[in-house]
Amino acid sequence: MINNIILKGIAFVSNTMASLREEHGQDLIEYAVLAGAIGIAAAVALFALSPNVFTDMKNSIANCVTFKNTCAP
């Protein structure tokens, strides 16, 4: 009986340690960090090309949302 309890305890500790070593969620975090870095790089590149790009984009979106019909081609 005591041997059975000891074996179950060792199996529990072994399974717990194995589950802590798993790296399933690590890939998701790496992709999220990579996507964030790409987004920041794209924003910096847009700002470097034209400092008014964000203002122009905001005004274009505002014109479309307020239905002034100035965004039609």
PDB file of N, CA and C in Angstrom:
ATOM      1  N   MET A   1       0.814  -1.190   0.000  1.00  0.00           N
ATOM      2  CA  MET A   1       0.000   0.000   0.000  1.00  0.00           C
ATOM      3  C   MET A   1       0.861   1.258   0.000  1.00  0.00           C
ATOM      4  N   ILE A   2       1.875   1.312   0.839  1.00  0.00           N
ATOM      5  CA  ILE A   2       2.744   2.482   0.884  1.00  0.00           C
ATOM      6  C   ILE A   2       3.511   2.613  -0.427  1.00  0.00           C
ATOM      7  N   ASN A   3       3.922   1.465  -1.004  1.00  0.00           N
ATOM      8  CA  ASN A   3       4.606   1.517  -2.301  1.00  0.00           C
ATOM      9  C   ASN A   3       3.701   2.128  -3.367  1.00  0.00           C
ATOM     10  N   ASN A   4       2.420   1.792  -3.329  1.00  0.00           N
ATOM     11  CA  ASN A   4       1.457   2.322  -4.290  1.00  0.00           C
ATOM     12  C   ASN A   4       1.325   3.841  -4.139  1.00  0.00           C
ATOM     13  N   ILE A   5       1.262   4.324  -2.918  1.00  0.00           N
ATOM     14  CA  ILE A   5       1.159   5.757  -2.655  1.00  0.00           C
ATOM     15  C   ILE A   5       2.421   6.476  -3.128  1.00  0.00           C
ATOM     16  N   ILE A   6       3.573   5.881  -2.862  1.00  0.00           N
ATOM     17  CA  ILE A   6       4.837   6.480  -3.285  1.00  0.00           C
ATOM     18  C   ILE A   6       4.914   6.531  -4.806  1.00  0.00           C
ATOM     19  N   LEU A   7       4.511   5.454  -5.469  1.00  0.00           N
ATOM     20  CA  LEU A   7       4.535   5.426  -6.932  1.00  0.00           C
ATOM     21  C   LEU A   7       3.583   6.459  -7.526  1.00  0.00           C
ATOM     22  N   LYS A   8       2.394   6.595  -6.929  1.00  0.00           N
ATOM     23  CA  LYS A   8       1.457   7.614  -7.411  1.00  0.00           C
ATOM     24  C   LYS A   8       2.011   9.016  -7.203  1.00  0.00           C
ATOM     25  N   GLY A   9       2.675   9.246  -6.085  1.00  0.00           N
ATOM     26  CA  GLY A   9       3.287  10.548  -5.819  1.00  0.00           C
ATOM     27  C   GLY A   9       4.399  10.856  -6.811  1.00  0.00           C
ATOM     28  N   ILE A  10       5.227   9.859  -7.103  1.00  0.00           N
ATOM     29  CA  ILE A  10       6.304  10.060  -8.075  1.00  0.00           C
ATOM     30  C   ILE A  10       5.721  10.319  -9.459  1.00  0.00           C
ATOM     31  N   ALA A  11       4.687   9.599  -9.836  1.00  0.00           N
ATOM     32  CA  ALA A  11       4.046   9.800 -11.141  1.00  0.00           C
ATOM     33  C   ALA A  11       3.431  11.195 -11.222  1.00  0.00           C
ATOM     34  N   PHE A  12       2.804  11.648 -10.136  1.00  0.00           N
ATOM     35  CA  PHE A  12       2.199  12.975 -10.116  1.00  0.00           C
ATOM     36  C   PHE A  12       3.261  14.057 -10.298  1.00  0.00           C
ATOM     37  N   VAL A  13       4.348  13.952  -9.547  1.00  0.00           N
ATOM     38  CA  VAL A  13       5.425  14.937  -9.650  1.00  0.00           C
ATOM     39  C   VAL A  13       6.043  14.902 -11.043  1.00  0.00           C
ATOM     40  N   SER A  14       6.230  13.723 -11.584  1.00  0.00           N
ATOM     41  CA  SER A  14       6.815  13.579 -12.920  1.00  0.00           C
ATOM     42  C   SER A  14       5.912  14.205 -13.982  1.00  0.00           C
ATOM     43  N   ASN A  15       4.618  13.942 -13.900  1.00  0.00           N
ATOM     44  CA  ASN A  15       3.670  14.518 -14.867  1.00  0.00           C
ATOM     45  C   ASN A  15       3.586  16.033 -14.730  1.00  0.00           C
ATOM     46  N   THR A  16       3.626  16.532 -13.509  1.00  0.00           N
ATOM     47  CA  THR A  16       3.579  17.974 -13.284  1.00  0.00           C
ATOM     48  C   THR A  16       4.817  18.649 -13.864  1.00  0.00           C
ATOM     49  N   MET A  17       5.978  18.065 -13.642  1.00  0.00           N
ATOM     50  CA  MET A  17       7.219  18.632 -14.179  1.00  0.00           C
ATOM     51  C   MET A  17       7.212  18.594 -15.709  1.00  0.00           C
ATOM     52  N   ALA A  18       6.692  17.530 -16.288  1.00  0.00           N
ATOM     53  CA  ALA A  18       6.630  17.426 -17.749  1.00  0.00           C
ATOM     54  C   ALA A  18       5.686  18.470 -18.325  1.00  0.00           C
ATOM     55  N   SER A  19       4.573  18.731 -17.674  1.00  0.00           N
ATOM     56  CA  SER A  19       3.630  19.723 -18.184  1.00  0.00           C
ATOM     57  C   SER A  19       4.185  21.138 -18.051  1.00  0.00           C
ATOM     58  N   LEU A  20       5.041  21.386 -17.071  1.00  0.00           N
ATOM     59  CA  LEU A  20       5.659  22.702 -16.921  1.00  0.00           C
ATOM     60  C   LEU A  20       6.706  22.959 -18.003  1.00  0.00           C
ATOM     61  N   ARG A  21       7.293  21.896 -18.542  1.00  0.00           N
ATOM     62  CA  ARG A  21       8.316  22.048 -19.578  1.00  0.00           C
ATOM     63  C   ARG A  21       7.740  22.211 -20.970  1.00  0.00           C
ATOM     64  N   GLU A  22       6.446  21.980 -21.148  1.00  0.00           N
ATOM     65  CA  GLU A  22       5.839  22.089 -22.467  1.00  0.00           C
ATOM     66  C   GLU A  22       5.887  23.534 -22.949  1.00  0.00           C
ATOM     67  N   GLU A  23       6.022  23.705 -24.267  1.00  0.00           N
ATOM     68  CA  GLU A  23       6.178  25.030 -24.844  1.00  0.00           C
ATOM     69  C   GLU A  23       5.095  25.322 -25.876  1.00  0.00           C
ATOM     70  N   HIS A  24       3.868  24.884 -25.635  1.00  0.00           N
ATOM     71  CA  HIS A  24       2.798  25.081 -26.612  1.00  0.00           C
ATOM     72  C   HIS A  24       2.435  26.550 -26.769  1.00  0.00           C
ATOM     73  N   GLY A  25       2.380  27.307 -25.708  1.00  0.00           N
ATOM     74  CA  GLY A  25       1.981  28.701 -25.778  1.00  0.00           C
ATOM     75  C   GLY A  25       3.093  29.636 -26.212  1.00  0.00           C
ATOM     76  N   GLN A  26       4.315  29.151 -26.232  1.00  0.00           N
ATOM     77  CA  GLN A  26       5.446  29.994 -26.574  1.00  0.00           C
ATOM     78  C   GLN A  26       5.357  30.482 -28.015  1.00  0.00           C
ATOM     79  N   ASP A  27       4.921  29.652 -28.935  1.00  0.00           N
ATOM     80  CA  ASP A  27       4.817  30.050 -30.341  1.00  0.00           C
ATOM     81  C   ASP A  27       3.843  31.206 -30.517  1.00  0.00           C
ATOM     82  N   LEU A  28       2.722  31.151 -29.837  1.00  0.00           N
ATOM     83  CA  LEU A  28       1.717  32.202 -29.943  1.00  0.00           C
ATOM     84  C   LEU A  28       2.271  33.543 -29.480  1.00  0.00           C
ATOM     85  N   ILE A  29       3.008  33.530 -28.388  1.00  0.00           N
ATOM     86  CA  ILE A  29       3.597  34.764 -27.873  1.00  0.00           C
ATOM     87  C   ILE A  29       4.637  35.303 -28.844  1.00  0.00           C
ATOM     88  N   GLU A  30       5.432  34.412 -29.429  1.00  0.00           N
ATOM     89  CA  GLU A  30       6.442  34.856 -30.391  1.00  0.00           C
ATOM     90  C   GLU A  30       5.785  35.500 -31.612  1.00  0.00           C
ATOM     91  N   TYR A  31       4.699  34.911 -32.100  1.00  0.00           N
ATOM     92  CA  TYR A  31       4.001  35.485 -33.254  1.00  0.00           C
ATOM     93  C   TYR A  31       3.383  36.839 -32.906  1.00  0.00           C
ATOM     94  N   ALA A  32       2.864  36.982 -31.697  1.00  0.00           N
ATOM     95  CA  ALA A  32       2.278  38.257 -31.284  1.00  0.00           C
ATOM     96  C   ALA A  32       3.346  39.347 -31.200  1.00  0.00           C
ATOM     97  N   VAL A  33       4.501  39.013 -30.660  1.00  0.00           N
ATOM     98  CA  VAL A  33       5.596  39.986 -30.577  1.00  0.00           C
ATOM     99  C   VAL A  33       6.077  40.350 -31.973  1.00  0.00           C
ATOM    100  N   LEU A  34       6.182  39.358 -32.858  1.00  0.00           N
ATOM    101  CA  LEU A  34       6.610  39.615 -34.230  1.00  0.00           C
ATOM    102  C   LEU A  34       5.603  40.505 -34.960  1.00  0.00           C
ATOM    103  N   ALA A  35       4.317  40.244 -34.792  1.00  0.00           N
ATOM    104  CA  ALA A  35       3.287  41.065 -35.438  1.00  0.00           C
ATOM    105  C   ALA A  35       3.334  42.495 -34.908  1.00  0.00           C
ATOM    106  N   GLY A  36       3.549  42.665 -33.627  1.00  0.00           N
ATOM    107  CA  GLY A  36       3.668  43.997 -33.053  1.00  0.00           C
ATOM    108  C   GLY A  36       4.886  44.735 -33.591  1.00  0.00           C
ATOM    109  N   ALA A  37       6.001  44.036 -33.714  1.00  0.00           N
ATOM    110  CA  ALA A  37       7.212  44.667 -34.252  1.00  0.00           C
ATOM    111  C   ALA A  37       7.023  45.078 -35.706  1.00  0.00           C
ATOM    112  N   ILE A  38       6.352  44.237 -36.483  1.00  0.00           N
ATOM    113  CA  ILE A  38       6.087  44.566 -37.885  1.00  0.00           C
ATOM    114  C   ILE A  38       5.156  45.781 -37.971  1.00  0.00           C
ATOM    115  N   GLY A  39       4.153  45.841 -37.116  1.00  0.00           N
ATOM    116  CA  GLY A  39       3.242  46.985 -37.106  1.00  0.00           C
ATOM    117  C   GLY A  39       3.945  48.279 -36.756  1.00  0.00           C
ATOM    118  N   ILE A  40       4.806  48.231 -35.764  1.00  0.00           N
ATOM    119  CA  ILE A  40       5.560  49.422 -35.379  1.00  0.00           C
ATOM    120  C   ILE A  40       6.503  49.842 -36.495  1.00  0.00           C
ATOM    121  N   ALA A  41       7.169  48.869 -37.119  1.00  0.00           N
ATOM    122  CA  ALA A  41       8.078  49.183 -38.227  1.00  0.00           C
ATOM    123  C   ALA A  41       7.317  49.803 -39.395  1.00  0.00           C
ATOM    124  N   ALA A  42       6.118  49.304 -39.678  1.00  0.00           N
ATOM    125  CA  ALA A  42       5.315  49.863 -40.765  1.00  0.00           C
ATOM    126  C   ALA A  42       4.891  51.299 -40.449  1.00  0.00           C
ATOM    127  N   ALA A  43       4.510  51.559 -39.212  1.00  0.00           N
ATOM    128  CA  ALA A  43       4.117  52.914 -38.829  1.00  0.00           C
ATOM    129  C   ALA A  43       5.296  53.870 -38.924  1.00  0.00           C
ATOM    130  N   VAL A  44       6.462  53.430 -38.490  1.00  0.00           N
ATOM    131  CA  VAL A  44       7.660  54.273 -38.576  1.00  0.00           C
ATOM    132  C   VAL A  44       8.015  54.539 -40.031  1.00  0.00           C
ATOM    133  N   ALA A  45       7.900  53.511 -40.886  1.00  0.00           N
ATOM    134  CA  ALA A  45       8.208  53.684 -42.302  1.00  0.00           C
ATOM    135  C   ALA A  45       7.229  54.658 -42.954  1.00  0.00           C
ATOM    136  N   LEU A  46       5.955  54.562 -42.622  1.00  0.00           N
ATOM    137  CA  LEU A  46       4.972  55.495 -43.173  1.00  0.00           C
ATOM    138  C   LEU A  46       5.261  56.925 -42.732  1.00  0.00           C
ATOM    139  N   PHE A  47       5.610  57.093 -41.477  1.00  0.00           N
ATOM    140  CA  PHE A  47       5.903  58.431 -40.958  1.00  0.00           C
ATOM    141  C   PHE A  47       7.174  58.988 -41.593  1.00  0.00           C
ATOM    142  N   ALA A  48       8.156  58.106 -41.867  1.00  0.00           N
ATOM    143  CA  ALA A  48       9.399  58.551 -42.491  1.00  0.00           C
ATOM    144  C   ALA A  48       9.154  58.994 -43.934  1.00  0.00           C
ATOM    145  N   LEU A  49       8.243  58.332 -44.622  1.00  0.00           N
ATOM    146  CA  LEU A  49       7.955  58.693 -46.003  1.00  0.00           C
ATOM    147  C   LEU A  49       7.195  60.011 -46.093  1.00  0.00           C
ATOM    148  N   SER A  50       6.263  60.213 -45.196  1.00  0.00           N
ATOM    149  CA  SER A  50       5.476  61.444 -45.209  1.00  0.00           C
ATOM    150  C   SER A  50       5.032  61.757 -43.787  1.00  0.00           C
ATOM    151  N   PRO A  51       5.570  62.806 -43.191  1.00  0.00           N
ATOM    152  CA  PRO A  51       5.202  63.125 -41.805  1.00  0.00           C
ATOM    153  C   PRO A  51       3.709  63.407 -41.621  1.00  0.00           C
ATOM    154  N   ASN A  52       3.017  63.801 -42.662  1.00  0.00           N
ATOM    155  CA  ASN A  52       1.589  64.112 -42.553  1.00  0.00           C
ATOM    156  C   ASN A  52       0.701  62.920 -42.898  1.00  0.00           C
ATOM    157  N   VAL A  53       1.292  61.739 -43.036  1.00  0.00           N
ATOM    158  CA  VAL A  53       0.508  60.591 -43.486  1.00  0.00           C
ATOM    159  C   VAL A  53      -0.615  60.267 -42.495  1.00  0.00           C
ATOM    160  N   PHE A  54      -0.362  60.383 -41.208  1.00  0.00           N
ATOM    161  CA  PHE A  54      -1.397  60.052 -40.231  1.00  0.00           C
ATOM    162  C   PHE A  54      -2.505  61.106 -40.218  1.00  0.00           C
ATOM    163  N   THR A  55      -2.134  62.356 -40.375  1.00  0.00           N
ATOM    164  CA  THR A  55      -3.134  63.421 -40.438  1.00  0.00           C
ATOM    165  C   THR A  55      -3.988  63.271 -41.694  1.00  0.00           C
ATOM    166  N   ASP A  56      -3.339  62.998 -42.823  1.00  0.00           N
ATOM    167  CA  ASP A  56      -4.076  62.794 -44.070  1.00  0.00           C
ATOM    168  C   ASP A  56      -5.018  61.590 -43.966  1.00  0.00           C
ATOM    169  N   MET A  57      -4.520  60.514 -43.348  1.00  0.00           N
ATOM    170  CA  MET A  57      -5.333  59.313 -43.188  1.00  0.00           C
ATOM    171  C   MET A  57      -6.532  59.605 -42.287  1.00  0.00           C
ATOM    172  N   LYS A  58      -6.295  60.347 -41.204  1.00  0.00           N
ATOM    173  CA  LYS A  58      -7.387  60.695 -40.287  1.00  0.00           C
ATOM    174  C   LYS A  58      -8.438  61.546 -40.994  1.00  0.00           C
ATOM    175  N   ASN A  59      -7.986  62.510 -41.776  1.00  0.00           N
ATOM    176  CA  ASN A  59      -8.925  63.372 -42.483  1.00  0.00           C
ATOM    177  C   ASN A  59      -9.715  62.598 -43.540  1.00  0.00           C
ATOM    178  N   SER A  60      -9.055  61.679 -44.238  1.00  0.00           N
ATOM    179  CA  SER A  60      -9.753  60.874 -45.239  1.00  0.00           C
ATOM    180  C   SER A  60     -10.816  59.990 -44.593  1.00  0.00           C
ATOM    181  N   ILE A  61     -10.466  59.396 -43.469  1.00  0.00           N
ATOM    182  CA  ILE A  61     -11.437  58.549 -42.766  1.00  0.00           C
ATOM    183  C   ILE A  61     -12.576  59.398 -42.221  1.00  0.00           C
ATOM    184  N   ALA A  62     -12.243  60.574 -41.684  1.00  0.00           N
ATOM    185  CA  ALA A  62     -13.281  61.459 -41.141  1.00  0.00           C
ATOM    186  C   ALA A  62     -14.243  61.895 -42.243  1.00  0.00           C
ATOM    187  N   ASN A  63     -13.742  62.183 -43.433  1.00  0.00           N
ATOM    188  CA  ASN A  63     -14.608  62.577 -44.539  1.00  0.00           C
ATOM    189  C   ASN A  63     -15.540  61.442 -44.957  1.00  0.00           C
ATOM    190  N   CYS A  64     -15.037  60.223 -44.929  1.00  0.00           N
ATOM    191  CA  CYS A  64     -15.876  59.077 -45.303  1.00  0.00           C
ATOM    192  C   CYS A  64     -16.926  58.788 -44.236  1.00  0.00           C
ATOM    193  N   VAL A  65     -16.541  58.912 -42.989  1.00  0.00           N
ATOM    194  CA  VAL A  65     -17.458  58.578 -41.901  1.00  0.00           C
ATOM    195  C   VAL A  65     -18.569  59.616 -41.776  1.00  0.00           C
ATOM    196  N   THR A  66     -18.256  60.869 -42.022  1.00  0.00           N
ATOM    197  CA  THR A  66     -19.282  61.898 -41.910  1.00  0.00           C
ATOM    198  C   THR A  66     -20.139  61.977 -43.177  1.00  0.00           C
ATOM    199  N   PHE A  67     -19.884  61.132 -44.136  1.00  0.00           N
ATOM    200  CA  PHE A  67     -20.661  61.018 -45.371  1.00  0.00           C
ATOM    201  C   PHE A  67     -20.670  62.308 -46.176  1.00  0.00           C
ATOM    202  N   LYS A  68     -19.506  62.951 -46.270  1.00  0.00           N
ATOM    203  CA  LYS A  68     -19.396  64.158 -47.086  1.00  0.00           C
ATOM    204  C   LYS A  68     -19.254  63.825 -48.573  1.00  0.00           C
ATOM    205  N   ASN A  69     -19.103  62.570 -48.863  1.00  0.00           N
ATOM    206  CA  ASN A  69     -18.986  62.075 -50.223  1.00  0.00           C
ATOM    207  C   ASN A  69     -17.684  62.516 -50.902  1.00  0.00           C
ATOM    208  N   THR A  70     -16.689  62.883 -50.119  1.00  0.00           N
ATOM    209  CA  THR A  70     -15.413  63.291 -50.712  1.00  0.00           C
ATOM    210  C   THR A  70     -14.460  62.121 -50.879  1.00  0.00           C
ATOM    211  N   CYS A  71     -14.811  60.942 -50.385  1.00  0.00           N
ATOM    212  CA  CYS A  71     -13.941  59.787 -50.532  1.00  0.00           C
ATOM    213  C   CYS A  71     -14.285  58.969 -51.756  1.00  0.00           C
ATOM    214  N   ALA A  72     -15.304  59.343 -52.495  1.00  0.00           N
ATOM    215  CA  ALA A  72     -15.681  58.613 -53.712  1.00  0.00           C
ATOM    216  C   ALA A  72     -14.638  58.896 -54.789  1.00  0.00           C
ATOM    217  N   PRO A  73     -14.317  57.892 -55.591  1.00  0.00           N
ATOM    218  CA  PRO A  73     -13.292  58.071 -56.637  1.00  0.00           C
ATOM    219  C   PRO A  73     -13.721  58.991 -57.754  1.00  0.00           C
TER     220      PRO A  73
END
